[in-house]
N, C-alpha and C. Protein backbone atom coordinates (compact mmCIF):
# COMPACT_ATOMS: atom_id res chain seq x y z
N UNK A 1 -1.07 -14.38 23.01
CA UNK A 1 -1.02 -14.62 21.56
C UNK A 1 -1.75 -13.51 20.81
N UNK A 2 -1.13 -13.03 19.74
CA UNK A 2 -1.75 -11.96 18.97
C UNK A 2 -2.99 -12.45 18.23
N UNK A 3 -3.94 -11.56 18.07
CA UNK A 3 -5.15 -11.91 17.33
C UNK A 3 -4.87 -12.06 15.84
N UNK A 4 -3.79 -11.43 15.36
CA UNK A 4 -3.46 -11.43 13.93
C UNK A 4 -2.00 -11.83 13.72
N UNK A 5 -1.76 -12.65 12.71
CA UNK A 5 -0.41 -12.96 12.27
C UNK A 5 -0.31 -12.68 10.78
N UNK A 6 0.57 -11.76 10.43
CA UNK A 6 0.77 -11.40 9.02
C UNK A 6 2.09 -11.99 8.56
N UNK A 7 2.04 -12.83 7.54
CA UNK A 7 3.23 -13.50 7.04
C UNK A 7 3.59 -12.97 5.66
N UNK A 8 4.86 -12.61 5.51
CA UNK A 8 5.34 -12.10 4.22
C UNK A 8 6.86 -12.21 4.21
N UNK A 9 7.44 -11.89 3.08
CA UNK A 9 8.89 -11.82 2.98
C UNK A 9 9.42 -10.67 3.84
N UNK A 10 10.72 -10.64 4.04
CA UNK A 10 11.33 -9.53 4.77
C UNK A 10 11.46 -8.35 3.80
N UNK A 11 10.31 -7.75 3.52
CA UNK A 11 10.24 -6.65 2.56
C UNK A 11 8.96 -5.86 2.85
N UNK A 12 8.89 -4.66 2.30
CA UNK A 12 7.65 -3.89 2.41
C UNK A 12 6.64 -4.47 1.43
N UNK A 13 6.92 -4.33 0.15
CA UNK A 13 6.16 -4.96 -0.91
C UNK A 13 4.66 -4.92 -0.74
N UNK A 14 4.03 -6.06 -0.97
CA UNK A 14 2.56 -6.14 -0.99
C UNK A 14 1.95 -6.36 0.40
N UNK A 15 2.77 -6.36 1.43
CA UNK A 15 2.24 -6.49 2.79
C UNK A 15 2.21 -5.15 3.53
N UNK A 16 2.81 -4.13 2.94
CA UNK A 16 2.98 -2.89 3.70
C UNK A 16 1.68 -2.13 3.93
N UNK A 17 0.73 -2.24 3.02
CA UNK A 17 -0.57 -1.61 3.28
C UNK A 17 -1.19 -2.19 4.55
N UNK A 18 -1.11 -3.51 4.70
CA UNK A 18 -1.66 -4.16 5.89
C UNK A 18 -0.93 -3.70 7.13
N UNK A 19 0.40 -3.65 7.06
CA UNK A 19 1.17 -3.20 8.23
C UNK A 19 0.80 -1.77 8.62
N UNK A 20 0.65 -0.91 7.63
CA UNK A 20 0.28 0.48 7.92
C UNK A 20 -1.12 0.58 8.52
N UNK A 21 -2.02 -0.29 8.11
CA UNK A 21 -3.36 -0.31 8.70
C UNK A 21 -3.28 -0.68 10.18
N UNK A 22 -2.47 -1.68 10.51
CA UNK A 22 -2.26 -2.03 11.92
C UNK A 22 -1.69 -0.84 12.69
N UNK A 23 -0.74 -0.15 12.07
CA UNK A 23 -0.09 1.00 12.72
C UNK A 23 -1.10 2.10 13.01
N UNK A 24 -1.87 2.48 11.98
CA UNK A 24 -2.84 3.57 12.14
C UNK A 24 -3.92 3.19 13.16
N UNK A 25 -4.35 1.94 13.14
CA UNK A 25 -5.39 1.48 14.07
C UNK A 25 -4.86 1.27 15.48
N UNK A 26 -3.53 1.19 15.62
CA UNK A 26 -2.94 0.95 16.93
C UNK A 26 -3.19 -0.46 17.42
N UNK A 27 -3.28 -1.41 16.49
CA UNK A 27 -3.57 -2.80 16.83
C UNK A 27 -2.29 -3.63 16.73
N UNK A 28 -2.01 -4.42 17.77
CA UNK A 28 -0.82 -5.26 17.77
C UNK A 28 -1.04 -6.50 16.90
N UNK A 29 0.03 -6.98 16.30
CA UNK A 29 -0.03 -8.17 15.46
C UNK A 29 1.35 -8.79 15.40
N UNK A 30 1.42 -10.03 14.97
CA UNK A 30 2.71 -10.68 14.76
C UNK A 30 3.14 -10.45 13.32
N UNK A 31 4.26 -9.78 13.15
CA UNK A 31 4.80 -9.46 11.82
C UNK A 31 5.81 -10.54 11.46
N UNK A 32 5.32 -11.63 10.89
CA UNK A 32 6.15 -12.80 10.61
C UNK A 32 6.81 -12.66 9.24
N UNK A 33 8.13 -12.66 9.22
CA UNK A 33 8.89 -12.44 7.98
C UNK A 33 9.89 -13.57 7.76
N UNK A 34 10.21 -13.82 6.49
CA UNK A 34 11.32 -14.71 6.19
C UNK A 34 11.96 -14.29 4.88
N UNK A 35 13.19 -14.71 4.68
CA UNK A 35 13.93 -14.35 3.48
C UNK A 35 13.33 -15.04 2.25
N UNK A 36 13.44 -14.38 1.10
CA UNK A 36 12.89 -14.95 -0.13
C UNK A 36 13.52 -16.29 -0.46
N UNK A 37 14.76 -16.48 -0.04
CA UNK A 37 15.44 -17.75 -0.32
C UNK A 37 14.78 -18.92 0.40
N UNK A 38 13.97 -18.62 1.44
CA UNK A 38 13.30 -19.66 2.20
C UNK A 38 11.88 -19.93 1.70
N UNK A 39 11.46 -19.26 0.65
CA UNK A 39 10.08 -19.38 0.16
C UNK A 39 9.71 -20.81 -0.17
N UNK A 40 10.64 -21.56 -0.73
CA UNK A 40 10.36 -22.94 -1.10
C UNK A 40 9.93 -23.79 0.07
N UNK A 41 10.40 -23.45 1.27
CA UNK A 41 10.05 -24.21 2.47
C UNK A 41 8.64 -23.89 2.97
N UNK A 42 8.11 -22.74 2.55
CA UNK A 42 6.84 -22.26 3.09
C UNK A 42 5.68 -22.31 2.08
N UNK A 43 6.01 -22.33 0.80
CA UNK A 43 4.98 -22.16 -0.22
C UNK A 43 3.84 -23.17 -0.11
N UNK A 44 4.16 -24.42 0.10
CA UNK A 44 3.13 -25.46 0.14
C UNK A 44 2.15 -25.27 1.30
N UNK A 45 2.58 -24.59 2.35
CA UNK A 45 1.71 -24.40 3.52
C UNK A 45 0.81 -23.17 3.39
N UNK A 46 1.01 -22.40 2.31
CA UNK A 46 0.23 -21.18 2.13
C UNK A 46 -0.94 -21.42 1.17
N UNK A 47 -2.16 -21.06 1.57
CA UNK A 47 -3.30 -21.18 0.65
C UNK A 47 -3.00 -20.43 -0.65
N UNK A 48 -3.30 -21.04 -1.77
CA UNK A 48 -3.05 -20.50 -3.09
C UNK A 48 -1.55 -20.39 -3.40
N UNK A 49 -0.71 -20.76 -2.45
CA UNK A 49 0.74 -20.71 -2.67
C UNK A 49 1.26 -19.31 -2.88
N UNK A 50 0.65 -18.33 -2.19
CA UNK A 50 1.08 -16.93 -2.37
C UNK A 50 1.20 -16.25 -1.01
N UNK A 51 1.91 -15.14 -1.01
CA UNK A 51 2.01 -14.23 0.12
C UNK A 51 1.65 -12.82 -0.35
N UNK A 52 1.17 -11.97 0.58
CA UNK A 52 1.09 -12.16 2.02
C UNK A 52 -0.08 -13.05 2.42
N UNK A 53 -0.05 -13.43 3.70
CA UNK A 53 -1.13 -14.22 4.29
C UNK A 53 -1.43 -13.66 5.67
N UNK A 54 -2.71 -13.57 5.98
CA UNK A 54 -3.14 -13.10 7.30
C UNK A 54 -3.88 -14.23 7.99
N UNK A 55 -3.42 -14.61 9.18
CA UNK A 55 -4.10 -15.64 9.95
C UNK A 55 -4.74 -15.01 11.18
N UNK A 56 -6.02 -15.33 11.40
CA UNK A 56 -6.75 -14.83 12.54
C UNK A 56 -6.64 -15.80 13.71
N UNK A 57 -6.99 -15.35 14.89
CA UNK A 57 -6.85 -16.17 16.10
C UNK A 57 -7.65 -17.45 16.03
N UNK A 58 -8.77 -17.43 15.29
CA UNK A 58 -9.59 -18.64 15.19
C UNK A 58 -9.11 -19.60 14.11
N UNK A 59 -7.97 -19.28 13.50
CA UNK A 59 -7.40 -20.15 12.47
C UNK A 59 -7.76 -19.78 11.05
N UNK A 60 -8.69 -18.83 10.88
CA UNK A 60 -9.06 -18.40 9.53
C UNK A 60 -7.85 -17.81 8.82
N UNK A 61 -7.67 -18.20 7.57
CA UNK A 61 -6.54 -17.74 6.78
C UNK A 61 -7.04 -16.91 5.61
N UNK A 62 -6.49 -15.71 5.45
CA UNK A 62 -6.88 -14.81 4.36
C UNK A 62 -5.67 -14.57 3.48
N UNK A 63 -5.84 -14.84 2.19
CA UNK A 63 -4.76 -14.64 1.22
C UNK A 63 -5.08 -13.46 0.32
N UNK A 64 -4.10 -13.04 -0.46
CA UNK A 64 -4.18 -11.96 -1.43
C UNK A 64 -4.12 -10.59 -0.73
N UNK A 65 -3.17 -9.77 -1.15
CA UNK A 65 -2.90 -8.51 -0.47
C UNK A 65 -4.11 -7.60 -0.41
N UNK A 66 -4.89 -7.51 -1.50
CA UNK A 66 -6.05 -6.62 -1.51
C UNK A 66 -7.12 -7.11 -0.55
N UNK A 67 -7.35 -8.42 -0.52
CA UNK A 67 -8.36 -8.98 0.40
C UNK A 67 -7.96 -8.73 1.84
N UNK A 68 -6.68 -8.88 2.15
CA UNK A 68 -6.19 -8.65 3.50
C UNK A 68 -6.39 -7.18 3.90
N UNK A 69 -5.97 -6.27 3.02
CA UNK A 69 -6.09 -4.84 3.32
C UNK A 69 -7.56 -4.44 3.47
N UNK A 70 -8.41 -4.93 2.61
CA UNK A 70 -9.83 -4.60 2.69
C UNK A 70 -10.45 -5.12 3.98
N UNK A 71 -10.09 -6.35 4.35
CA UNK A 71 -10.61 -6.93 5.60
C UNK A 71 -10.19 -6.08 6.80
N UNK A 72 -8.90 -5.76 6.87
CA UNK A 72 -8.40 -4.98 8.01
C UNK A 72 -9.00 -3.58 8.03
N UNK A 73 -9.14 -2.97 6.86
CA UNK A 73 -9.73 -1.63 6.80
C UNK A 73 -11.16 -1.64 7.33
N UNK A 74 -11.91 -2.67 6.98
CA UNK A 74 -13.27 -2.79 7.51
C UNK A 74 -13.24 -3.03 9.02
N UNK A 75 -12.36 -3.93 9.44
CA UNK A 75 -12.25 -4.28 10.85
C UNK A 75 -11.89 -3.07 11.71
N UNK A 76 -11.06 -2.18 11.16
CA UNK A 76 -10.55 -1.03 11.93
C UNK A 76 -11.26 0.28 11.59
N UNK A 77 -12.38 0.19 10.86
CA UNK A 77 -13.14 1.40 10.47
C UNK A 77 -12.28 2.39 9.67
N UNK A 78 -11.50 1.84 8.75
CA UNK A 78 -10.65 2.67 7.88
C UNK A 78 -11.00 2.44 6.42
N UNK A 79 -12.28 2.11 6.18
CA UNK A 79 -12.72 1.76 4.83
C UNK A 79 -13.78 2.73 4.30
N UNK A 80 -13.94 3.87 4.99
CA UNK A 80 -14.96 4.82 4.57
C UNK A 80 -16.29 4.51 5.25
N UNK A 81 -17.20 5.43 5.10
CA UNK A 81 -18.52 5.29 5.72
C UNK A 81 -19.57 5.05 4.65
N UNK A 82 -20.12 3.85 4.61
CA UNK A 82 -21.17 3.54 3.65
C UNK A 82 -20.65 3.01 2.34
N UNK A 83 -21.57 2.49 1.53
CA UNK A 83 -21.21 1.80 0.30
C UNK A 83 -20.52 2.72 -0.71
N UNK A 84 -20.98 3.98 -0.79
CA UNK A 84 -20.37 4.89 -1.76
C UNK A 84 -18.91 5.16 -1.43
N UNK A 85 -18.61 5.44 -0.17
CA UNK A 85 -17.23 5.69 0.21
C UNK A 85 -16.40 4.43 0.08
N UNK A 86 -16.99 3.26 0.38
CA UNK A 86 -16.29 2.00 0.17
C UNK A 86 -15.84 1.87 -1.29
N UNK A 87 -16.74 2.20 -2.21
CA UNK A 87 -16.43 2.11 -3.64
C UNK A 87 -15.35 3.12 -4.02
N UNK A 88 -15.39 4.30 -3.42
CA UNK A 88 -14.37 5.31 -3.71
C UNK A 88 -13.00 4.85 -3.22
N UNK A 89 -12.97 4.22 -2.05
CA UNK A 89 -11.71 3.65 -1.55
C UNK A 89 -11.21 2.58 -2.52
N UNK A 90 -12.11 1.71 -2.96
CA UNK A 90 -11.74 0.65 -3.91
C UNK A 90 -11.17 1.24 -5.20
N UNK A 91 -11.78 2.31 -5.68
CA UNK A 91 -11.32 2.94 -6.91
C UNK A 91 -9.87 3.39 -6.76
N UNK A 92 -9.57 4.05 -5.66
CA UNK A 92 -8.21 4.54 -5.42
C UNK A 92 -7.23 3.38 -5.28
N UNK A 93 -7.58 2.40 -4.46
CA UNK A 93 -6.64 1.30 -4.22
C UNK A 93 -6.42 0.45 -5.46
N UNK A 94 -7.46 0.26 -6.27
CA UNK A 94 -7.29 -0.49 -7.52
C UNK A 94 -6.39 0.25 -8.49
N UNK A 95 -6.56 1.57 -8.56
CA UNK A 95 -5.70 2.38 -9.43
C UNK A 95 -4.24 2.30 -8.97
N UNK A 96 -4.04 2.40 -7.67
CA UNK A 96 -2.69 2.33 -7.13
C UNK A 96 -2.07 0.95 -7.35
N UNK A 97 -2.89 -0.09 -7.27
CA UNK A 97 -2.40 -1.44 -7.52
C UNK A 97 -1.90 -1.59 -8.96
N UNK A 98 -2.64 -1.01 -9.90
CA UNK A 98 -2.20 -1.06 -11.31
C UNK A 98 -0.87 -0.33 -11.48
N UNK A 99 -0.73 0.82 -10.82
CA UNK A 99 0.53 1.56 -10.88
C UNK A 99 1.67 0.70 -10.32
N UNK A 100 1.43 0.12 -9.14
CA UNK A 100 2.50 -0.62 -8.47
C UNK A 100 2.88 -1.89 -9.19
N UNK A 101 1.96 -2.50 -9.92
CA UNK A 101 2.31 -3.66 -10.74
C UNK A 101 3.43 -3.27 -11.73
N UNK A 102 3.31 -2.09 -12.32
CA UNK A 102 4.31 -1.62 -13.27
C UNK A 102 5.59 -1.19 -12.57
N UNK A 103 5.46 -0.60 -11.39
CA UNK A 103 6.64 -0.19 -10.62
C UNK A 103 7.45 -1.42 -10.20
N UNK A 104 6.76 -2.47 -9.74
CA UNK A 104 7.47 -3.68 -9.34
C UNK A 104 8.14 -4.35 -10.55
N UNK A 105 7.49 -4.27 -11.69
CA UNK A 105 8.12 -4.82 -12.90
C UNK A 105 9.42 -4.09 -13.19
N UNK A 106 9.40 -2.77 -13.02
CA UNK A 106 10.62 -1.98 -13.19
C UNK A 106 11.69 -2.41 -12.17
N UNK A 107 11.29 -2.54 -10.92
CA UNK A 107 12.24 -2.90 -9.86
C UNK A 107 12.91 -4.23 -10.13
N UNK A 108 12.13 -5.22 -10.58
CA UNK A 108 12.65 -6.57 -10.72
C UNK A 108 13.28 -6.86 -12.09
N UNK A 109 13.10 -5.96 -13.04
CA UNK A 109 13.72 -6.16 -14.35
C UNK A 109 15.19 -5.75 -14.27
N UNK A 110 16.06 -6.62 -14.73
CA UNK A 110 17.50 -6.38 -14.61
C UNK A 110 18.15 -5.87 -15.90
N UNK A 111 17.70 -6.38 -17.04
CA UNK A 111 18.34 -6.01 -18.31
C UNK A 111 18.04 -4.55 -18.63
N UNK A 112 19.05 -3.84 -19.10
CA UNK A 112 18.98 -2.39 -19.27
C UNK A 112 17.84 -1.94 -20.20
N UNK A 113 17.72 -2.57 -21.37
CA UNK A 113 16.68 -2.17 -22.31
C UNK A 113 15.28 -2.38 -21.78
N UNK A 114 14.94 -3.61 -21.37
CA UNK A 114 13.61 -3.86 -20.81
C UNK A 114 13.33 -3.03 -19.54
N UNK A 115 14.38 -2.75 -18.76
CA UNK A 115 14.19 -1.95 -17.55
C UNK A 115 13.79 -0.53 -17.90
N UNK A 116 14.43 0.04 -18.93
CA UNK A 116 14.09 1.39 -19.37
C UNK A 116 12.66 1.43 -19.90
N UNK A 117 12.27 0.38 -20.62
CA UNK A 117 10.91 0.30 -21.15
C UNK A 117 9.90 0.19 -20.01
N UNK A 118 10.24 -0.60 -19.00
CA UNK A 118 9.35 -0.76 -17.85
C UNK A 118 9.18 0.56 -17.11
N UNK A 119 10.25 1.33 -17.01
CA UNK A 119 10.17 2.63 -16.34
C UNK A 119 9.30 3.59 -17.12
N UNK A 120 9.40 3.58 -18.45
CA UNK A 120 8.58 4.45 -19.30
C UNK A 120 7.10 4.14 -19.11
N UNK A 121 6.76 2.85 -19.10
CA UNK A 121 5.36 2.45 -18.92
C UNK A 121 4.85 2.83 -17.54
N UNK A 122 5.68 2.62 -16.53
CA UNK A 122 5.28 2.97 -15.17
C UNK A 122 5.08 4.48 -15.04
N UNK A 123 5.99 5.25 -15.61
CA UNK A 123 5.91 6.71 -15.51
C UNK A 123 4.66 7.24 -16.21
N UNK A 124 4.29 6.64 -17.35
CA UNK A 124 3.08 7.06 -18.07
C UNK A 124 1.83 6.79 -17.23
N UNK A 125 1.79 5.62 -16.59
CA UNK A 125 0.65 5.27 -15.74
C UNK A 125 0.58 6.17 -14.51
N UNK A 126 1.73 6.46 -13.93
CA UNK A 126 1.79 7.35 -12.77
C UNK A 126 1.25 8.73 -13.13
N UNK A 127 1.64 9.23 -14.30
CA UNK A 127 1.19 10.57 -14.73
C UNK A 127 -0.31 10.61 -14.98
N UNK A 128 -0.84 9.61 -15.69
CA UNK A 128 -2.26 9.62 -16.04
C UNK A 128 -3.14 9.34 -14.83
N UNK A 129 -2.81 8.33 -14.06
CA UNK A 129 -3.60 8.01 -12.86
C UNK A 129 -3.37 9.04 -11.77
N UNK A 130 -2.15 9.59 -11.72
CA UNK A 130 -1.87 10.64 -10.74
C UNK A 130 -2.76 11.85 -10.95
N UNK A 131 -2.96 12.23 -12.21
CA UNK A 131 -3.83 13.37 -12.52
C UNK A 131 -5.27 13.09 -12.08
N UNK A 132 -5.72 11.85 -12.28
CA UNK A 132 -7.07 11.49 -11.85
C UNK A 132 -7.20 11.51 -10.34
N UNK A 133 -6.16 11.04 -9.64
CA UNK A 133 -6.18 11.06 -8.18
C UNK A 133 -6.13 12.49 -7.65
N UNK A 134 -5.39 13.34 -8.32
CA UNK A 134 -5.32 14.76 -7.93
C UNK A 134 -6.70 15.40 -8.03
N UNK A 135 -7.40 15.12 -9.11
CA UNK A 135 -8.75 15.66 -9.29
C UNK A 135 -9.70 15.07 -8.25
N UNK A 136 -9.55 13.79 -7.97
CA UNK A 136 -10.36 13.13 -6.95
C UNK A 136 -10.18 13.82 -5.59
N UNK A 137 -8.93 14.10 -5.26
CA UNK A 137 -8.63 14.76 -3.99
C UNK A 137 -9.20 16.18 -3.97
N UNK A 138 -9.08 16.87 -5.08
CA UNK A 138 -9.58 18.24 -5.18
C UNK A 138 -11.08 18.31 -4.94
N UNK A 139 -11.80 17.29 -5.41
CA UNK A 139 -13.26 17.28 -5.27
C UNK A 139 -13.71 17.01 -3.83
N UNK A 140 -12.78 16.59 -2.99
CA UNK A 140 -13.11 16.32 -1.59
C UNK A 140 -12.52 17.43 -0.71
N UNK A 141 -13.35 18.39 -0.36
CA UNK A 141 -12.93 19.49 0.51
C UNK A 141 -11.78 20.30 -0.08
N UNK A 142 -11.79 20.44 -1.39
CA UNK A 142 -10.77 21.26 -2.04
C UNK A 142 -9.37 20.69 -1.99
N UNK A 143 -9.28 19.41 -1.60
CA UNK A 143 -7.97 18.76 -1.59
C UNK A 143 -7.19 18.98 -0.30
N UNK A 144 -7.81 19.56 0.69
CA UNK A 144 -7.10 19.88 1.94
C UNK A 144 -7.18 18.76 2.98
N UNK A 145 -7.99 17.75 2.68
CA UNK A 145 -8.17 16.67 3.65
C UNK A 145 -7.64 15.35 3.15
N UNK A 146 -8.57 14.45 2.84
CA UNK A 146 -8.20 13.09 2.48
C UNK A 146 -8.83 12.70 1.15
N UNK A 147 -8.42 11.56 0.63
CA UNK A 147 -8.92 11.12 -0.67
C UNK A 147 -10.39 10.73 -0.63
N UNK A 148 -10.83 10.21 0.50
CA UNK A 148 -12.22 9.77 0.65
C UNK A 148 -12.71 10.19 2.03
N UNK A 149 -13.86 10.86 2.07
CA UNK A 149 -14.45 11.21 3.35
C UNK A 149 -13.67 12.25 4.12
N UNK A 150 -13.90 12.27 5.44
CA UNK A 150 -13.35 13.33 6.28
C UNK A 150 -12.20 12.86 7.18
N UNK A 151 -11.83 11.62 7.06
CA UNK A 151 -10.74 11.10 7.89
C UNK A 151 -9.90 10.11 7.09
N UNK A 152 -8.76 9.74 7.62
CA UNK A 152 -7.86 8.84 6.90
C UNK A 152 -8.51 7.49 6.67
N UNK A 153 -8.30 6.94 5.49
CA UNK A 153 -8.82 5.62 5.14
C UNK A 153 -7.71 4.81 4.46
N UNK A 154 -8.05 3.59 4.11
CA UNK A 154 -7.15 2.75 3.34
C UNK A 154 -6.67 3.45 2.08
N UNK A 155 -7.51 4.28 1.48
CA UNK A 155 -7.12 4.99 0.26
C UNK A 155 -5.88 5.84 0.49
N UNK A 156 -5.86 6.60 1.59
CA UNK A 156 -4.72 7.46 1.89
C UNK A 156 -3.49 6.65 2.29
N UNK A 157 -3.73 5.57 3.04
CA UNK A 157 -2.63 4.70 3.44
C UNK A 157 -1.98 4.05 2.23
N UNK A 158 -2.80 3.54 1.31
CA UNK A 158 -2.27 2.90 0.10
C UNK A 158 -1.56 3.93 -0.78
N UNK A 159 -2.12 5.14 -0.85
CA UNK A 159 -1.47 6.20 -1.61
C UNK A 159 -0.10 6.53 -1.02
N UNK A 160 -0.04 6.71 0.29
CA UNK A 160 1.22 7.02 0.95
C UNK A 160 2.25 5.93 0.69
N UNK A 161 1.84 4.69 0.84
CA UNK A 161 2.75 3.58 0.63
C UNK A 161 3.25 3.53 -0.81
N UNK A 162 2.33 3.65 -1.76
CA UNK A 162 2.70 3.56 -3.18
C UNK A 162 3.64 4.69 -3.59
N UNK A 163 3.28 5.92 -3.25
CA UNK A 163 4.09 7.04 -3.73
C UNK A 163 5.38 7.23 -2.94
N UNK A 164 5.47 6.65 -1.76
CA UNK A 164 6.76 6.61 -1.08
C UNK A 164 7.71 5.71 -1.86
N UNK A 165 7.20 4.60 -2.38
CA UNK A 165 8.01 3.70 -3.20
C UNK A 165 8.33 4.33 -4.56
N UNK A 166 7.34 4.99 -5.13
CA UNK A 166 7.52 5.62 -6.45
C UNK A 166 8.60 6.68 -6.40
N UNK A 167 8.69 7.40 -5.28
CA UNK A 167 9.68 8.46 -5.15
C UNK A 167 11.10 7.93 -5.31
N UNK A 168 11.30 6.66 -4.96
CA UNK A 168 12.63 6.06 -5.12
C UNK A 168 12.97 5.86 -6.59
N UNK A 169 11.93 5.71 -7.43
CA UNK A 169 12.12 5.54 -8.87
C UNK A 169 12.14 6.89 -9.58
N UNK A 170 11.26 7.80 -9.13
CA UNK A 170 11.13 9.10 -9.78
C UNK A 170 10.75 10.13 -8.72
N UNK A 171 11.74 10.88 -8.23
CA UNK A 171 11.48 11.83 -7.15
C UNK A 171 10.73 13.07 -7.61
N UNK A 172 10.44 13.15 -8.91
CA UNK A 172 9.68 14.29 -9.44
C UNK A 172 8.25 13.91 -9.83
N UNK A 173 7.84 12.70 -9.46
CA UNK A 173 6.55 12.17 -9.89
C UNK A 173 5.38 13.04 -9.46
N UNK A 174 5.51 13.73 -8.34
CA UNK A 174 4.40 14.54 -7.82
C UNK A 174 4.62 16.04 -8.01
N UNK A 175 5.65 16.42 -8.76
CA UNK A 175 5.94 17.84 -8.92
C UNK A 175 4.81 18.62 -9.56
N UNK A 176 4.05 17.99 -10.45
CA UNK A 176 2.94 18.67 -11.11
C UNK A 176 1.59 18.34 -10.46
N UNK A 177 1.65 17.73 -9.30
CA UNK A 177 0.43 17.32 -8.58
C UNK A 177 0.51 17.84 -7.15
N UNK A 178 0.35 19.14 -6.97
CA UNK A 178 0.60 19.76 -5.65
C UNK A 178 -0.30 19.26 -4.53
N UNK A 179 -1.55 18.93 -4.84
CA UNK A 179 -2.44 18.46 -3.79
C UNK A 179 -2.02 17.08 -3.29
N UNK A 180 -1.63 16.21 -4.22
CA UNK A 180 -1.16 14.89 -3.83
C UNK A 180 0.17 14.99 -3.08
N UNK A 181 1.02 15.89 -3.52
CA UNK A 181 2.31 16.08 -2.85
C UNK A 181 2.10 16.50 -1.40
N UNK A 182 1.14 17.40 -1.20
CA UNK A 182 0.83 17.86 0.15
C UNK A 182 0.20 16.72 0.97
N UNK A 183 -0.63 15.91 0.32
CA UNK A 183 -1.25 14.77 1.01
C UNK A 183 -0.19 13.77 1.46
N UNK A 184 0.79 13.50 0.60
CA UNK A 184 1.86 12.58 0.95
C UNK A 184 2.58 13.05 2.21
N UNK A 185 2.86 14.34 2.28
CA UNK A 185 3.52 14.91 3.45
C UNK A 185 2.61 14.86 4.67
N UNK A 186 1.33 15.12 4.46
CA UNK A 186 0.36 15.16 5.57
C UNK A 186 0.19 13.78 6.19
N UNK A 187 0.05 12.76 5.35
CA UNK A 187 -0.10 11.40 5.86
C UNK A 187 1.20 10.94 6.52
N UNK A 188 2.31 11.28 5.89
CA UNK A 188 3.61 10.90 6.43
C UNK A 188 3.92 11.55 7.76
N UNK A 189 3.27 12.69 8.04
CA UNK A 189 3.49 13.41 9.30
C UNK A 189 2.67 12.84 10.45
N UNK A 190 1.71 11.95 10.14
CA UNK A 190 0.96 11.29 11.20
C UNK A 190 1.94 10.63 12.17
N UNK A 191 1.78 10.85 13.47
CA UNK A 191 2.78 10.39 14.45
C UNK A 191 2.99 8.88 14.40
N UNK A 192 1.90 8.13 14.26
CA UNK A 192 2.03 6.67 14.24
C UNK A 192 2.76 6.21 12.97
N UNK A 193 2.38 6.80 11.84
CA UNK A 193 3.01 6.42 10.57
C UNK A 193 4.47 6.83 10.55
N UNK A 194 4.75 8.05 11.01
CA UNK A 194 6.13 8.54 11.02
C UNK A 194 7.03 7.66 11.88
N UNK A 195 6.51 7.23 13.03
CA UNK A 195 7.30 6.37 13.91
C UNK A 195 7.55 5.02 13.26
N UNK A 196 6.52 4.46 12.59
CA UNK A 196 6.70 3.18 11.91
C UNK A 196 7.73 3.28 10.80
N UNK A 197 7.63 4.31 9.99
CA UNK A 197 8.57 4.47 8.87
C UNK A 197 10.00 4.60 9.40
N UNK A 198 10.15 5.27 10.53
CA UNK A 198 11.48 5.47 11.10
C UNK A 198 12.06 4.18 11.69
N UNK A 199 11.19 3.34 12.26
CA UNK A 199 11.69 2.18 13.01
C UNK A 199 11.49 0.83 12.33
N UNK A 200 10.74 0.77 11.23
CA UNK A 200 10.49 -0.51 10.58
C UNK A 200 11.78 -1.10 10.03
N UNK A 201 11.83 -2.41 9.82
CA UNK A 201 13.03 -3.01 9.25
C UNK A 201 13.41 -2.36 7.93
N UNK A 202 14.68 -2.11 7.75
CA UNK A 202 15.17 -1.48 6.53
C UNK A 202 15.34 -2.55 5.44
N UNK A 203 14.56 -2.42 4.41
CA UNK A 203 14.60 -3.39 3.31
C UNK A 203 14.71 -2.66 1.98
N UNK A 204 15.09 -3.39 0.93
CA UNK A 204 15.30 -2.77 -0.37
C UNK A 204 14.01 -2.24 -0.97
N UNK A 205 12.90 -2.96 -0.79
CA UNK A 205 11.61 -2.53 -1.34
C UNK A 205 10.50 -3.08 -0.47
């Protein structure tokens, strides 16, 4: 029996940071998925009635995507070294979460007018926060390494996940951010991550 069971829809969405953490750490887990149409059958059994959910071998249940990612990052030593780096990782992941809230709104909005408005808002946030992330990266070893510290952390994993999704909405989002563009390629070239991206279930988002 796996030590970890991650439950989510059959989608990348808000569970993909956790999946990528498992991949980078080389830790096996049960990737439990179901179709969104089946959510009604499962909602009552989920704490807070939300997904994703992480269940540990001792029965402990952890809800909320950020809490799950933070827990796993700490567990796998992918959360930075010391309180300052922890805070820097949090800064990056919180910024990316704000961006992705707007990106998901764009994805799920169907009407043409509101969808265009959602894209405008998302693009503005991507540009402003992207510039801040670019400067953040530049301040760490001239931008040639990682967003926080000297090795890959949740910050880089969350960045890779977010901007891989963003590229589907705007493939020019990183054109004016060369350090971030290079980081996206660098993280994506990691053998474990590249293999996961190639072999993971193909889903719309």
